[in-house]
Amino acid sequence: MKQIPKPIKKALRRLADEAYEIELGRALAELHEQFGRWERGEASAFDLEAAIHRFHQGPARELWNRFSENAILEMVVAHAITEGTLDRAKIDRQVLEFLAGALLFWEQEKTETTDEHR
């Protein structure tokens, strides 16, 4: 694995944190809908508890694992860019150059996955 220059590593950590917050917010929005159902009397407290448990064991855990301190920052950030979570146009050119290989990997993965579903 190549050594990451400190300014690039700092930028990658900031971008990973930004992507984590965006994706966590999306997942929490779905959970928020369950709270609304409960408040309107459309779901029981038990239903809400089950939704919270599913959120904790599913999306929250998956995101925490993906964005943890042990994550490979290049891969996490490149994936977020490829999926559109992070806006490529707003990312420093030097960071994008550093991520070239990881971006290529995720773009090829996305193409292969799309081809498989056709």
C-alpha atoms as a PDB file:
ATOM      1  CA  MET A   1       0.000   0.000   0.000  1.00  0.00           C
ATOM      2  CA  LYS A   2       1.347   3.424  -0.922  1.00  0.00           C
ATOM      3  CA  GLN A   3       2.183   6.008   1.718  1.00  0.00           C
ATOM      4  CA  ILE A   4      -0.422   8.766   1.922  1.00  0.00           C
ATOM      5  CA  PRO A   5       0.956  12.315   2.113  1.00  0.00           C
ATOM      6  CA  LYS A   6      -0.395  14.079   5.214  1.00  0.00           C
ATOM      7  CA  PRO A   7      -2.441  16.749   3.377  1.00  0.00           C
ATOM      8  CA  ILE A   8      -4.059  14.067   1.206  1.00  0.00           C
ATOM      9  CA  LYS A   9      -4.758  11.846   4.214  1.00  0.00           C
ATOM     10  CA  LYS A  10      -6.362  14.769   6.045  1.00  0.00           C
ATOM     11  CA  ALA A  11      -8.541  15.522   3.019  1.00  0.00           C
ATOM     12  CA  LEU A  12      -9.501  11.854   2.663  1.00  0.00           C
ATOM     13  CA  ARG A  13     -10.491  11.625   6.346  1.00  0.00           C
ATOM     14  CA  ARG A  14     -12.615  14.776   5.987  1.00  0.00           C
ATOM     15  CA  LEU A  15     -14.265  13.397   2.827  1.00  0.00           C
ATOM     16  CA  ALA A  16     -14.872  10.010   4.459  1.00  0.00           C
ATOM     17  CA  ASP A  17     -16.509  11.745   7.425  1.00  0.00           C
ATOM     18  CA  GLU A  18     -18.665  13.797   5.063  1.00  0.00           C
ATOM     19  CA  ALA A  19     -19.761  10.697   3.145  1.00  0.00           C
ATOM     20  CA  TYR A  20     -20.494   8.859   6.410  1.00  0.00           C
ATOM     21  CA  GLU A  21     -22.705  11.686   7.630  1.00  0.00           C
ATOM     22  CA  ILE A  22     -24.599  11.835   4.320  1.00  0.00           C
ATOM     23  CA  GLU A  23     -25.179   8.090   4.194  1.00  0.00           C
ATOM     24  CA  LEU A  24     -26.075   7.885   7.888  1.00  0.00           C
ATOM     25  CA  GLY A  25     -28.552  10.722   7.386  1.00  0.00           C
ATOM     26  CA  ARG A  26     -30.222   8.806   4.548  1.00  0.00           C
ATOM     27  CA  ALA A  27     -30.494   5.705   6.702  1.00  0.00           C
ATOM     28  CA  LEU A  28     -31.833   7.709   9.651  1.00  0.00           C
ATOM     29  CA  ALA A  29     -34.463   9.305   7.400  1.00  0.00           C
ATOM     30  CA  GLU A  30     -35.904   5.839   6.822  1.00  0.00           C
ATOM     31  CA  LEU A  31     -35.951   5.182  10.558  1.00  0.00           C
ATOM     32  CA  HIS A  32     -37.560   8.580  11.096  1.00  0.00           C
ATOM     33  CA  GLU A  33     -40.495   7.415   8.956  1.00  0.00           C
ATOM     34  CA  GLN A  34     -41.033   4.580  11.441  1.00  0.00           C
ATOM     35  CA  PHE A  35     -41.189   7.093  14.294  1.00  0.00           C
ATOM     36  CA  GLY A  36     -43.831   8.993  12.322  1.00  0.00           C
ATOM     37  CA  ARG A  37     -45.905   5.832  11.889  1.00  0.00           C
ATOM     38  CA  TRP A  38     -45.685   5.222  15.635  1.00  0.00           C
ATOM     39  CA  GLU A  39     -46.646   8.826  16.468  1.00  0.00           C
ATOM     40  CA  ARG A  40     -49.678   8.589  14.159  1.00  0.00           C
ATOM     41  CA  GLY A  41     -50.758   5.338  15.809  1.00  0.00           C
ATOM     42  CA  GLU A  42     -50.055   3.316  12.666  1.00  0.00           C
ATOM     43  CA  ALA A  43     -47.426   1.195  14.432  1.00  0.00           C
ATOM     44  CA  SER A  44     -47.043  -0.065  17.976  1.00  0.00           C
ATOM     45  CA  ALA A  45     -44.172   0.665  20.312  1.00  0.00           C
ATOM     46  CA  PHE A  46     -43.064  -2.924  19.658  1.00  0.00           C
ATOM     47  CA  ASP A  47     -43.019  -2.260  15.914  1.00  0.00           C
ATOM     48  CA  LEU A  48     -40.899   0.842  16.495  1.00  0.00           C
ATOM     49  CA  GLU A  49     -38.549  -1.048  18.798  1.00  0.00           C
ATOM     50  CA  ALA A  50     -38.112  -3.709  16.104  1.00  0.00           C
ATOM     51  CA  ALA A  51     -37.374  -1.015  13.495  1.00  0.00           C
ATOM     52  CA  ILE A  52     -34.766   0.548  15.775  1.00  0.00           C
ATOM     53  CA  HIS A  53     -33.173  -2.857  16.351  1.00  0.00           C
ATOM     54  CA  ARG A  54     -33.102  -3.594  12.602  1.00  0.00           C
ATOM     55  CA  PHE A  55     -31.526  -0.166  11.994  1.00  0.00           C
ATOM     56  CA  HIS A  56     -28.868  -0.755  14.639  1.00  0.00           C
ATOM     57  CA  GLN A  57     -28.031  -4.266  13.449  1.00  0.00           C
ATOM     58  CA  GLY A  58     -28.235  -3.398   9.747  1.00  0.00           C
ATOM     59  CA  PRO A  59     -27.571   0.025   8.226  1.00  0.00           C
ATOM     60  CA  ALA A  60     -25.952   1.628  11.288  1.00  0.00           C
ATOM     61  CA  ARG A  61     -23.551  -1.272  11.777  1.00  0.00           C
ATOM     62  CA  GLU A  62     -22.710  -1.573   8.088  1.00  0.00           C
ATOM     63  CA  LEU A  63     -21.957   2.143   7.840  1.00  0.00           C
ATOM     64  CA  TRP A  64     -19.923   2.168  11.049  1.00  0.00           C
ATOM     65  CA  ASN A  65     -17.848  -0.752   9.781  1.00  0.00           C
ATOM     66  CA  ARG A  66     -17.335   0.845   6.366  1.00  0.00           C
ATOM     67  CA  PHE A  67     -16.267   4.216   7.744  1.00  0.00           C
ATOM     68  CA  SER A  68     -14.392   3.112  10.869  1.00  0.00           C
ATOM     69  CA  GLU A  69     -10.884   4.297  11.669  1.00  0.00           C
ATOM     70  CA  ASN A  70      -9.573   1.035  10.181  1.00  0.00           C
ATOM     71  CA  ALA A  71     -11.149   1.745   6.801  1.00  0.00           C
ATOM     72  CA  ILE A  72      -8.978   2.109   3.737  1.00  0.00           C
ATOM     73  CA  LEU A  73      -9.658   5.775   3.112  1.00  0.00           C
ATOM     74  CA  GLU A  74      -8.893   5.690  -0.612  1.00  0.00           C
ATOM     75  CA  MET A  75     -11.447   2.951  -1.212  1.00  0.00           C
ATOM     76  CA  VAL A  76     -14.144   4.489   0.998  1.00  0.00           C
ATOM     77  CA  VAL A  77     -13.862   7.939  -0.567  1.00  0.00           C
ATOM     78  CA  ALA A  78     -13.573   6.617  -4.121  1.00  0.00           C
ATOM     79  CA  HIS A  79     -16.686   4.494  -3.583  1.00  0.00           C
ATOM     80  CA  ALA A  80     -18.598   7.517  -2.259  1.00  0.00           C
ATOM     81  CA  ILE A  81     -17.546   9.532  -5.317  1.00  0.00           C
ATOM     82  CA  THR A  82     -18.479   6.749  -7.723  1.00  0.00           C
ATOM     83  CA  GLU A  83     -21.890   6.307  -6.097  1.00  0.00           C
ATOM     84  CA  GLY A  84     -22.569  10.058  -6.206  1.00  0.00           C
ATOM     85  CA  THR A  85     -22.548  10.553  -2.433  1.00  0.00           C
ATOM     86  CA  LEU A  86     -19.657  12.987  -2.829  1.00  0.00           C
ATOM     87  CA  ASP A  87     -19.538  15.498  -5.688  1.00  0.00           C
ATOM     88  CA  ARG A  88     -16.412  14.835  -7.749  1.00  0.00           C
ATOM     89  CA  ALA A  89     -16.414  18.437  -8.992  1.00  0.00           C
ATOM     90  CA  LYS A  90     -15.922  19.718  -5.436  1.00  0.00           C
ATOM     91  CA  ILE A  91     -12.903  17.535  -4.678  1.00  0.00           C
ATOM     92  CA  ASP A  92      -9.360  18.844  -4.976  1.00  0.00           C
ATOM     93  CA  ARG A  93      -7.565  17.757  -8.157  1.00  0.00           C
ATOM     94  CA  GLN A  94      -4.604  16.339  -6.186  1.00  0.00           C
ATOM     95  CA  VAL A  95      -6.951  14.158  -4.139  1.00  0.00           C
ATOM     96  CA  LEU A  96      -8.636  12.891  -7.297  1.00  0.00           C
ATOM     97  CA  GLU A  97      -5.234  12.117  -8.832  1.00  0.00           C
ATOM     98  CA  PHE A  98      -4.282  10.199  -5.707  1.00  0.00           C
ATOM     99  CA  LEU A  99      -7.572   8.274  -5.948  1.00  0.00           C
ATOM    100  CA  ALA A 100      -7.230   7.433  -9.653  1.00  0.00           C
ATOM    101  CA  GLY A 101      -6.692   3.696  -9.133  1.00  0.00           C
ATOM    102  CA  ALA A 102      -9.445   3.333  -6.533  1.00  0.00           C
ATOM    103  CA  LEU A 103     -11.875   5.327  -8.676  1.00  0.00           C
ATOM    104  CA  LEU A 104     -11.127   3.101 -11.654  1.00  0.00           C
ATOM    105  CA  PHE A 105     -11.747   0.020  -9.502  1.00  0.00           C
ATOM    106  CA  TRP A 106     -15.181   1.227  -8.307  1.00  0.00           C
ATOM    107  CA  GLU A 107     -16.184   2.454 -11.760  1.00  0.00           C
ATOM    108  CA  GLN A 108     -15.380  -0.987 -13.201  1.00  0.00           C
ATOM    109  CA  GLU A 109     -17.279  -2.668 -10.344  1.00  0.00           C
ATOM    110  CA  LYS A 110     -20.287  -0.476 -11.021  1.00  0.00           C
ATOM    111  CA  THR A 111     -20.157  -1.257 -14.753  1.00  0.00           C
ATOM    112  CA  GLU A 112     -19.867  -4.992 -14.109  1.00  0.00           C
ATOM    113  CA  THR A 113     -22.743  -4.940 -11.622  1.00  0.00           C
ATOM    114  CA  THR A 114     -24.908  -2.999 -14.082  1.00  0.00           C
ATOM    115  CA  ASP A 115     -24.032  -5.459 -16.873  1.00  0.00           C
ATOM    116  CA  GLU A 116     -24.958  -8.423 -14.640  1.00  0.00           C
ATOM    117  CA  HIS A 117     -28.424  -6.999 -14.000  1.00  0.00           C
ATOM    118  CA  ARG A 118     -29.259  -6.547 -17.668  1.00  0.00           C
END
